[in-house]
């Protein structure tokens, strides 16, 4: 897998975090079709934020690809049309142990991104696949603080 995250990662703007950045170390991914990194230390001002300190309080980011990459199927011999085109699903997820009530064990918060690409589009229309991802990543970066505010306040 060519997914490589360079450490430190500069975090997106968030209310209450000043110049957040995350120092990553290579971790063991849950499958052999993924890569995982754990947050070893923090920079900037992130009062109350902890690193990946124990199994119950992980702070990891994991990227994975499909175990078997699907290919574009052959045309139907009688109709000349494509049958159902399978999708290859790529995933990026962040796990973070969080406190829900003082004195209780941590619970797991997750943020997942799933990218589904029809087989064949990677070759026939790579520019538009890249443009789709560019918009998504740019929008997430642009709305980082407002998305954080929405997740904390429930106001959209």
N, C-alpha and C. Protein backbone atom coordinates (compact mmCIF):
# COMPACT_ATOMS: atom_id res chain seq x y z
N UNK A 1 0.83 -1.17 0.00
CA UNK A 1 0.00 0.00 0.00
C UNK A 1 0.88 1.23 0.00
N UNK A 2 0.53 2.21 -0.81
CA UNK A 2 1.35 3.41 -0.86
C UNK A 2 0.90 4.47 0.12
N UNK A 3 -0.13 4.20 0.92
CA UNK A 3 -0.57 5.17 1.92
C UNK A 3 0.54 5.37 2.94
N UNK A 4 1.10 6.55 2.95
CA UNK A 4 2.14 6.88 3.91
C UNK A 4 1.81 8.24 4.50
N UNK A 5 1.68 8.29 5.81
CA UNK A 5 1.41 9.53 6.49
C UNK A 5 2.73 10.00 7.10
N UNK A 6 3.10 11.24 6.80
CA UNK A 6 4.34 11.81 7.32
C UNK A 6 4.08 12.48 8.66
N UNK A 7 4.92 12.15 9.63
CA UNK A 7 4.77 12.71 10.97
C UNK A 7 5.70 13.91 11.13
N UNK A 8 5.26 14.96 11.81
CA UNK A 8 3.97 15.13 12.45
C UNK A 8 2.89 15.54 11.46
N UNK A 9 1.64 15.26 11.83
CA UNK A 9 0.49 15.68 11.03
C UNK A 9 -0.05 16.96 11.65
N UNK A 10 -0.16 18.00 10.83
CA UNK A 10 -0.76 19.25 11.29
C UNK A 10 -2.27 19.06 11.31
N UNK A 11 -2.85 19.26 12.46
CA UNK A 11 -4.29 19.09 12.60
C UNK A 11 -5.06 20.25 12.01
N UNK A 12 -6.31 20.00 11.67
CA UNK A 12 -7.20 21.05 11.20
C UNK A 12 -7.59 21.96 12.36
N UNK A 13 -7.96 23.18 12.04
CA UNK A 13 -8.37 24.13 13.08
C UNK A 13 -9.57 23.60 13.85
N UNK A 14 -9.53 23.72 15.16
CA UNK A 14 -10.62 23.30 16.03
C UNK A 14 -10.76 24.30 17.17
N UNK A 15 -11.97 24.57 17.57
CA UNK A 15 -12.23 25.43 18.71
C UNK A 15 -11.55 24.84 19.95
N UNK A 16 -10.74 25.63 20.65
CA UNK A 16 -10.09 25.17 21.88
C UNK A 16 -8.74 24.51 21.68
N UNK A 17 -8.35 24.25 20.43
CA UNK A 17 -7.02 23.68 20.16
C UNK A 17 -6.21 24.73 19.41
N UNK A 18 -5.00 24.98 19.90
CA UNK A 18 -4.14 25.97 19.26
C UNK A 18 -3.00 25.26 18.55
N UNK A 19 -2.89 25.43 17.27
CA UNK A 19 -1.86 24.83 16.42
C UNK A 19 -1.69 23.34 16.71
N UNK A 20 -2.76 22.55 16.59
CA UNK A 20 -2.65 21.13 16.93
C UNK A 20 -1.82 20.36 15.89
N UNK A 21 -0.97 19.50 16.40
CA UNK A 21 -0.21 18.59 15.53
C UNK A 21 -0.01 17.28 16.29
N UNK A 22 0.17 16.22 15.52
CA UNK A 22 0.21 14.88 16.08
C UNK A 22 1.45 14.14 15.59
N UNK A 23 2.27 13.68 16.52
CA UNK A 23 3.47 12.92 16.19
C UNK A 23 3.06 11.45 16.16
N UNK A 24 3.27 10.81 15.00
CA UNK A 24 2.81 9.44 14.80
C UNK A 24 3.96 8.44 14.84
N UNK A 25 3.64 7.24 15.26
CA UNK A 25 4.56 6.10 15.16
C UNK A 25 3.82 4.98 14.44
N UNK A 26 4.56 4.14 13.74
CA UNK A 26 3.95 3.01 13.05
C UNK A 26 3.36 2.05 14.07
N UNK A 27 2.16 1.58 13.80
CA UNK A 27 1.45 0.67 14.67
C UNK A 27 1.09 -0.57 13.84
N UNK A 28 0.51 -1.58 14.47
CA UNK A 28 0.09 -2.78 13.77
C UNK A 28 -1.35 -2.63 13.32
N UNK A 29 -1.56 -2.74 12.02
CA UNK A 29 -2.91 -2.64 11.47
C UNK A 29 -3.71 -3.90 11.77
N UNK A 30 -5.03 -3.80 11.82
CA UNK A 30 -5.86 -4.98 12.08
C UNK A 30 -5.81 -6.02 10.97
N UNK A 31 -5.41 -5.63 9.74
CA UNK A 31 -5.32 -6.60 8.65
C UNK A 31 -4.06 -6.32 7.84
N UNK A 32 -3.69 -7.28 7.01
CA UNK A 32 -2.48 -7.10 6.19
C UNK A 32 -2.75 -6.24 4.95
N UNK A 33 -3.96 -5.74 4.79
CA UNK A 33 -4.27 -4.84 3.68
C UNK A 33 -4.41 -3.40 4.18
N UNK A 34 -3.83 -3.13 5.33
CA UNK A 34 -3.91 -1.79 5.89
C UNK A 34 -2.61 -1.34 6.52
N UNK A 35 -2.58 -0.05 6.84
CA UNK A 35 -1.48 0.55 7.58
C UNK A 35 -2.09 1.32 8.73
N UNK A 36 -1.42 1.29 9.87
CA UNK A 36 -1.94 2.00 11.04
C UNK A 36 -0.82 2.76 11.71
N UNK A 37 -1.18 3.92 12.22
CA UNK A 37 -0.27 4.78 12.97
C UNK A 37 -0.93 5.13 14.29
N UNK A 38 -0.13 5.26 15.35
CA UNK A 38 -0.63 5.67 16.66
C UNK A 38 -0.05 7.04 16.99
N UNK A 39 -0.83 7.85 17.68
CA UNK A 39 -0.37 9.17 18.12
C UNK A 39 0.50 8.97 19.35
N UNK A 40 1.79 9.30 19.21
CA UNK A 40 2.76 9.11 20.30
C UNK A 40 2.90 10.37 21.15
N UNK A 41 2.75 11.53 20.51
CA UNK A 41 2.83 12.78 21.27
C UNK A 41 2.08 13.88 20.52
N UNK A 42 1.82 14.95 21.23
CA UNK A 42 1.06 16.08 20.71
C UNK A 42 1.92 17.33 20.73
N UNK A 43 1.64 18.25 19.81
CA UNK A 43 2.25 19.56 19.87
C UNK A 43 1.14 20.60 19.80
N UNK A 44 1.50 21.83 20.05
CA UNK A 44 0.50 22.88 20.13
C UNK A 44 -0.15 22.83 21.50
N UNK A 45 -1.21 23.58 21.69
CA UNK A 45 -1.94 23.57 22.95
C UNK A 45 -3.20 22.74 22.75
N UNK A 46 -3.23 21.59 23.43
CA UNK A 46 -4.35 20.66 23.34
C UNK A 46 -4.70 20.18 24.74
N UNK A 47 -5.10 21.10 25.58
CA UNK A 47 -5.42 20.80 26.97
C UNK A 47 -6.49 19.72 27.07
N UNK A 48 -6.17 18.66 27.83
CA UNK A 48 -7.12 17.57 28.04
C UNK A 48 -7.05 16.47 27.01
N UNK A 49 -6.23 16.63 25.97
CA UNK A 49 -6.10 15.61 24.92
C UNK A 49 -4.97 14.67 25.30
N UNK A 50 -5.19 13.37 25.17
CA UNK A 50 -4.13 12.40 25.46
C UNK A 50 -3.73 11.64 24.20
N UNK A 51 -2.59 10.99 24.30
CA UNK A 51 -2.05 10.23 23.17
C UNK A 51 -2.62 8.81 23.21
N UNK A 52 -2.14 7.96 22.33
CA UNK A 52 -2.55 6.56 22.31
C UNK A 52 -1.82 5.88 23.46
N UNK A 53 -2.45 5.91 24.64
CA UNK A 53 -1.75 5.54 25.87
C UNK A 53 -2.00 4.12 26.35
N UNK A 54 -3.09 3.49 25.91
CA UNK A 54 -3.40 2.13 26.35
C UNK A 54 -4.44 1.54 25.41
N UNK A 55 -4.66 0.23 25.48
CA UNK A 55 -5.69 -0.37 24.61
C UNK A 55 -7.08 0.25 24.81
N UNK A 56 -7.37 0.73 26.01
CA UNK A 56 -8.70 1.31 26.25
C UNK A 56 -8.77 2.78 25.83
N UNK A 57 -7.63 3.41 25.57
CA UNK A 57 -7.62 4.81 25.13
C UNK A 57 -6.74 4.95 23.89
N UNK A 58 -7.15 4.31 22.80
CA UNK A 58 -6.34 4.42 21.58
C UNK A 58 -6.50 5.79 20.94
N UNK A 59 -5.50 6.17 20.18
CA UNK A 59 -5.59 7.35 19.32
C UNK A 59 -4.82 6.93 18.07
N UNK A 60 -5.54 6.33 17.12
CA UNK A 60 -4.89 5.75 15.94
C UNK A 60 -5.59 6.22 14.67
N UNK A 61 -4.85 6.11 13.58
CA UNK A 61 -5.41 6.34 12.24
C UNK A 61 -5.01 5.14 11.39
N UNK A 62 -6.01 4.57 10.70
CA UNK A 62 -5.80 3.35 9.93
C UNK A 62 -6.33 3.54 8.52
N UNK A 63 -5.53 3.15 7.54
CA UNK A 63 -5.96 3.16 6.15
C UNK A 63 -5.96 1.73 5.63
N UNK A 64 -6.96 1.38 4.83
CA UNK A 64 -7.00 0.02 4.28
C UNK A 64 -7.57 0.02 2.87
N UNK A 65 -7.22 -1.00 2.15
CA UNK A 65 -7.75 -1.22 0.80
C UNK A 65 -8.52 -2.54 0.82
N UNK A 66 -9.26 -2.83 -0.25
CA UNK A 66 -9.98 -4.11 -0.28
C UNK A 66 -8.99 -5.28 -0.24
N UNK A 67 -9.36 -6.38 0.41
CA UNK A 67 -8.47 -7.54 0.45
C UNK A 67 -8.17 -8.07 -0.95
N UNK A 68 -9.18 -8.01 -1.83
CA UNK A 68 -9.01 -8.43 -3.22
C UNK A 68 -9.53 -7.30 -4.10
N UNK A 69 -8.67 -6.74 -4.94
CA UNK A 69 -9.10 -5.65 -5.81
C UNK A 69 -9.97 -6.21 -6.93
N UNK A 70 -11.15 -5.64 -7.09
CA UNK A 70 -12.10 -6.09 -8.10
C UNK A 70 -11.73 -5.47 -9.44
N UNK A 71 -11.99 -6.19 -10.50
CA UNK A 71 -11.68 -5.73 -11.85
C UNK A 71 -12.97 -5.45 -12.61
N UNK A 72 -12.85 -4.69 -13.67
CA UNK A 72 -13.99 -4.42 -14.53
C UNK A 72 -14.38 -5.72 -15.22
N UNK A 73 -15.66 -6.13 -15.12
CA UNK A 73 -16.07 -7.39 -15.74
C UNK A 73 -16.15 -7.27 -17.26
N UNK A 74 -16.17 -8.40 -17.92
CA UNK A 74 -16.29 -8.43 -19.38
C UNK A 74 -17.71 -8.01 -19.78
N UNK A 75 -17.81 -7.50 -21.00
CA UNK A 75 -19.11 -7.13 -21.54
C UNK A 75 -19.97 -8.38 -21.71
N UNK A 76 -21.27 -8.23 -21.56
CA UNK A 76 -22.21 -9.32 -21.79
C UNK A 76 -22.15 -9.64 -23.28
N UNK A 77 -21.88 -10.89 -23.63
CA UNK A 77 -21.71 -11.29 -25.02
C UNK A 77 -22.96 -11.07 -25.87
N UNK A 78 -24.12 -11.23 -25.29
CA UNK A 78 -25.35 -11.10 -26.10
C UNK A 78 -25.85 -9.66 -26.20
N UNK A 79 -25.60 -8.83 -25.17
CA UNK A 79 -26.12 -7.45 -25.20
C UNK A 79 -25.05 -6.41 -25.49
N UNK A 80 -23.79 -6.77 -25.25
CA UNK A 80 -22.70 -5.80 -25.42
C UNK A 80 -22.62 -4.79 -24.30
N UNK A 81 -23.39 -4.99 -23.23
CA UNK A 81 -23.40 -4.07 -22.10
C UNK A 81 -22.61 -4.63 -20.93
N UNK A 82 -22.19 -3.72 -20.07
CA UNK A 82 -21.52 -4.15 -18.84
C UNK A 82 -22.55 -4.74 -17.89
N UNK A 83 -22.21 -5.84 -17.23
CA UNK A 83 -23.07 -6.33 -16.15
C UNK A 83 -22.83 -5.42 -14.93
N UNK A 84 -23.30 -5.83 -13.79
CA UNK A 84 -23.04 -5.05 -12.57
C UNK A 84 -21.55 -4.83 -12.40
N UNK A 85 -21.17 -3.58 -12.16
CA UNK A 85 -19.76 -3.23 -11.97
C UNK A 85 -19.47 -3.20 -10.47
N UNK A 86 -18.50 -4.01 -10.02
CA UNK A 86 -18.18 -4.02 -8.59
C UNK A 86 -17.41 -2.76 -8.19
N UNK A 87 -17.45 -2.44 -6.91
CA UNK A 87 -16.70 -1.30 -6.38
C UNK A 87 -15.55 -1.78 -5.51
N UNK A 88 -14.45 -1.05 -5.56
CA UNK A 88 -13.34 -1.25 -4.63
C UNK A 88 -13.51 -0.20 -3.54
N UNK A 89 -13.56 -0.65 -2.28
CA UNK A 89 -13.80 0.26 -1.17
C UNK A 89 -12.52 0.43 -0.35
N UNK A 90 -12.09 1.67 -0.26
CA UNK A 90 -10.92 2.05 0.53
C UNK A 90 -11.42 2.76 1.78
N UNK A 91 -10.74 2.57 2.91
CA UNK A 91 -11.22 3.15 4.16
C UNK A 91 -10.09 3.85 4.90
N UNK A 92 -10.47 4.92 5.58
CA UNK A 92 -9.58 5.63 6.47
C UNK A 92 -10.36 5.87 7.75
N UNK A 93 -9.82 5.48 8.86
CA UNK A 93 -10.55 5.63 10.12
C UNK A 93 -9.65 6.09 11.24
N UNK A 94 -10.21 6.88 12.13
CA UNK A 94 -9.51 7.32 13.33
C UNK A 94 -10.28 6.79 14.53
N UNK A 95 -9.55 6.22 15.49
CA UNK A 95 -10.15 5.74 16.74
C UNK A 95 -9.57 6.56 17.88
N UNK A 96 -10.43 6.94 18.83
CA UNK A 96 -9.96 7.72 19.98
C UNK A 96 -10.73 7.29 21.21
N UNK A 97 -9.99 6.89 22.25
CA UNK A 97 -10.62 6.59 23.53
C UNK A 97 -11.06 7.89 24.18
N UNK A 98 -12.30 7.94 24.65
CA UNK A 98 -12.85 9.15 25.24
C UNK A 98 -13.54 8.82 26.57
N UNK A 99 -13.59 9.82 27.44
CA UNK A 99 -14.28 9.70 28.71
C UNK A 99 -15.72 10.15 28.52
N UNK A 100 -16.66 9.35 28.99
CA UNK A 100 -18.07 9.74 28.91
C UNK A 100 -18.61 10.15 30.28
N UNK A 101 -17.97 9.67 31.34
CA UNK A 101 -18.34 10.04 32.70
C UNK A 101 -17.14 9.77 33.60
N UNK A 102 -16.79 10.74 34.43
CA UNK A 102 -15.64 10.59 35.33
C UNK A 102 -15.77 9.30 36.15
N UNK A 103 -14.67 8.60 36.28
CA UNK A 103 -14.65 7.37 37.06
C UNK A 103 -15.08 6.13 36.31
N UNK A 104 -15.55 6.29 35.08
CA UNK A 104 -15.97 5.15 34.27
C UNK A 104 -14.88 4.83 33.25
N UNK A 105 -14.88 3.60 32.74
CA UNK A 105 -13.89 3.24 31.73
C UNK A 105 -14.16 3.99 30.43
N UNK A 106 -13.10 4.16 29.67
CA UNK A 106 -13.18 4.91 28.41
C UNK A 106 -14.06 4.19 27.40
N UNK A 107 -14.62 4.94 26.51
CA UNK A 107 -15.39 4.41 25.39
C UNK A 107 -14.69 4.82 24.10
N UNK A 108 -15.03 4.16 23.02
CA UNK A 108 -14.36 4.39 21.74
C UNK A 108 -15.18 5.32 20.85
N UNK A 109 -14.58 6.43 20.42
CA UNK A 109 -15.16 7.32 19.43
C UNK A 109 -14.46 7.01 18.10
N UNK A 110 -15.20 7.06 17.01
CA UNK A 110 -14.61 6.76 15.71
C UNK A 110 -15.02 7.80 14.67
N UNK A 111 -14.13 8.01 13.72
CA UNK A 111 -14.42 8.83 12.55
C UNK A 111 -13.97 8.01 11.35
N UNK A 112 -14.90 7.68 10.46
CA UNK A 112 -14.59 6.81 9.33
C UNK A 112 -14.88 7.49 8.01
N UNK A 113 -14.02 7.24 7.06
CA UNK A 113 -14.22 7.70 5.68
C UNK A 113 -14.13 6.47 4.80
N UNK A 114 -15.15 6.25 3.98
CA UNK A 114 -15.19 5.12 3.08
C UNK A 114 -15.27 5.65 1.65
N UNK A 115 -14.37 5.20 0.81
CA UNK A 115 -14.29 5.67 -0.57
C UNK A 115 -14.56 4.49 -1.48
N UNK A 116 -15.63 4.58 -2.25
CA UNK A 116 -16.05 3.49 -3.12
C UNK A 116 -15.84 3.89 -4.58
N UNK A 117 -14.95 3.18 -5.26
CA UNK A 117 -14.60 3.48 -6.65
C UNK A 117 -15.02 2.32 -7.54
N UNK A 118 -15.88 2.56 -8.54
CA UNK A 118 -16.25 1.47 -9.45
C UNK A 118 -15.01 0.92 -10.17
N UNK A 119 -14.93 -0.39 -10.25
CA UNK A 119 -13.82 -1.02 -10.96
C UNK A 119 -13.73 -0.44 -12.37
N UNK A 120 -12.55 -0.11 -12.81
CA UNK A 120 -12.33 0.44 -14.14
C UNK A 120 -12.22 1.95 -14.16
N UNK A 121 -12.86 2.64 -13.19
CA UNK A 121 -12.78 4.11 -13.15
C UNK A 121 -11.37 4.57 -12.84
N UNK A 122 -10.61 3.75 -12.12
CA UNK A 122 -9.23 4.10 -11.79
C UNK A 122 -8.38 4.25 -13.05
N UNK A 123 -8.73 3.55 -14.10
CA UNK A 123 -7.99 3.62 -15.37
C UNK A 123 -8.69 4.56 -16.36
N UNK A 124 -10.00 4.41 -16.51
CA UNK A 124 -10.73 5.16 -17.54
C UNK A 124 -11.01 6.61 -17.17
N UNK A 125 -10.99 6.94 -15.86
CA UNK A 125 -11.36 8.30 -15.46
C UNK A 125 -10.63 8.72 -14.19
N UNK A 126 -9.33 8.47 -14.16
CA UNK A 126 -8.52 8.76 -12.97
C UNK A 126 -8.62 10.22 -12.54
N UNK A 127 -8.67 11.15 -13.49
CA UNK A 127 -8.72 12.58 -13.15
C UNK A 127 -9.96 12.91 -12.34
N UNK A 128 -11.10 12.34 -12.69
CA UNK A 128 -12.33 12.63 -11.95
C UNK A 128 -12.37 11.93 -10.60
N UNK A 129 -11.74 10.76 -10.48
CA UNK A 129 -11.61 10.11 -9.17
C UNK A 129 -10.78 11.02 -8.26
N UNK A 130 -9.66 11.53 -8.78
CA UNK A 130 -8.80 12.42 -7.99
C UNK A 130 -9.52 13.72 -7.64
N UNK A 131 -10.30 14.27 -8.57
CA UNK A 131 -11.04 15.51 -8.30
C UNK A 131 -12.06 15.30 -7.19
N UNK A 132 -12.74 14.15 -7.18
CA UNK A 132 -13.70 13.84 -6.13
C UNK A 132 -13.01 13.85 -4.76
N UNK A 133 -11.86 13.20 -4.68
CA UNK A 133 -11.11 13.14 -3.43
C UNK A 133 -10.58 14.51 -3.03
N UNK A 134 -10.13 15.28 -4.02
CA UNK A 134 -9.62 16.61 -3.75
C UNK A 134 -10.69 17.49 -3.10
N UNK A 135 -11.90 17.47 -3.66
CA UNK A 135 -12.99 18.25 -3.09
C UNK A 135 -13.31 17.79 -1.68
N UNK A 136 -13.41 16.48 -1.46
CA UNK A 136 -13.76 15.97 -0.14
C UNK A 136 -12.72 16.39 0.90
N UNK A 137 -11.44 16.20 0.59
CA UNK A 137 -10.38 16.53 1.54
C UNK A 137 -10.31 18.04 1.77
N UNK A 138 -10.44 18.82 0.71
CA UNK A 138 -10.44 20.27 0.86
C UNK A 138 -11.60 20.76 1.70
N UNK A 139 -12.79 20.20 1.47
CA UNK A 139 -13.97 20.60 2.24
C UNK A 139 -13.81 20.21 3.70
N UNK A 140 -13.31 19.00 3.98
CA UNK A 140 -13.10 18.58 5.36
C UNK A 140 -12.10 19.50 6.05
N UNK A 141 -11.03 19.86 5.35
CA UNK A 141 -10.05 20.77 5.94
C UNK A 141 -10.69 22.13 6.21
N UNK A 142 -11.49 22.61 5.26
CA UNK A 142 -12.13 23.92 5.39
C UNK A 142 -13.14 23.95 6.54
N UNK A 143 -13.87 22.86 6.74
CA UNK A 143 -14.92 22.86 7.76
C UNK A 143 -14.50 22.16 9.05
N UNK A 144 -13.21 21.95 9.24
CA UNK A 144 -12.74 21.22 10.42
C UNK A 144 -13.31 21.77 11.71
N UNK A 145 -13.17 23.08 11.95
CA UNK A 145 -13.65 23.66 13.21
C UNK A 145 -15.18 23.61 13.30
N UNK A 146 -15.88 23.93 12.21
CA UNK A 146 -17.34 23.93 12.29
C UNK A 146 -17.88 22.51 12.44
N UNK A 147 -17.22 21.53 11.83
CA UNK A 147 -17.63 20.14 12.01
C UNK A 147 -17.41 19.70 13.46
N UNK A 148 -16.27 20.11 14.03
CA UNK A 148 -16.02 19.83 15.44
C UNK A 148 -17.05 20.47 16.34
N UNK A 149 -17.40 21.74 16.05
CA UNK A 149 -18.43 22.42 16.84
C UNK A 149 -19.76 21.68 16.73
N UNK A 150 -20.12 21.24 15.52
CA UNK A 150 -21.37 20.52 15.32
C UNK A 150 -21.39 19.20 16.10
N UNK A 151 -20.27 18.47 16.10
CA UNK A 151 -20.21 17.19 16.81
C UNK A 151 -20.29 17.39 18.33
N UNK A 152 -19.86 18.55 18.83
CA UNK A 152 -19.88 18.82 20.27
C UNK A 152 -21.19 19.46 20.70
N UNK A 153 -21.79 20.30 19.84
CA UNK A 153 -23.01 21.02 20.25
C UNK A 153 -24.28 20.41 19.69
N UNK A 154 -24.17 19.64 18.60
CA UNK A 154 -25.34 19.09 17.95
C UNK A 154 -26.04 20.07 17.03
N UNK A 155 -25.46 21.26 16.87
CA UNK A 155 -26.06 22.29 16.01
C UNK A 155 -25.37 22.26 14.66
N UNK A 156 -26.13 22.12 13.58
CA UNK A 156 -25.53 22.04 12.25
C UNK A 156 -25.55 23.38 11.55
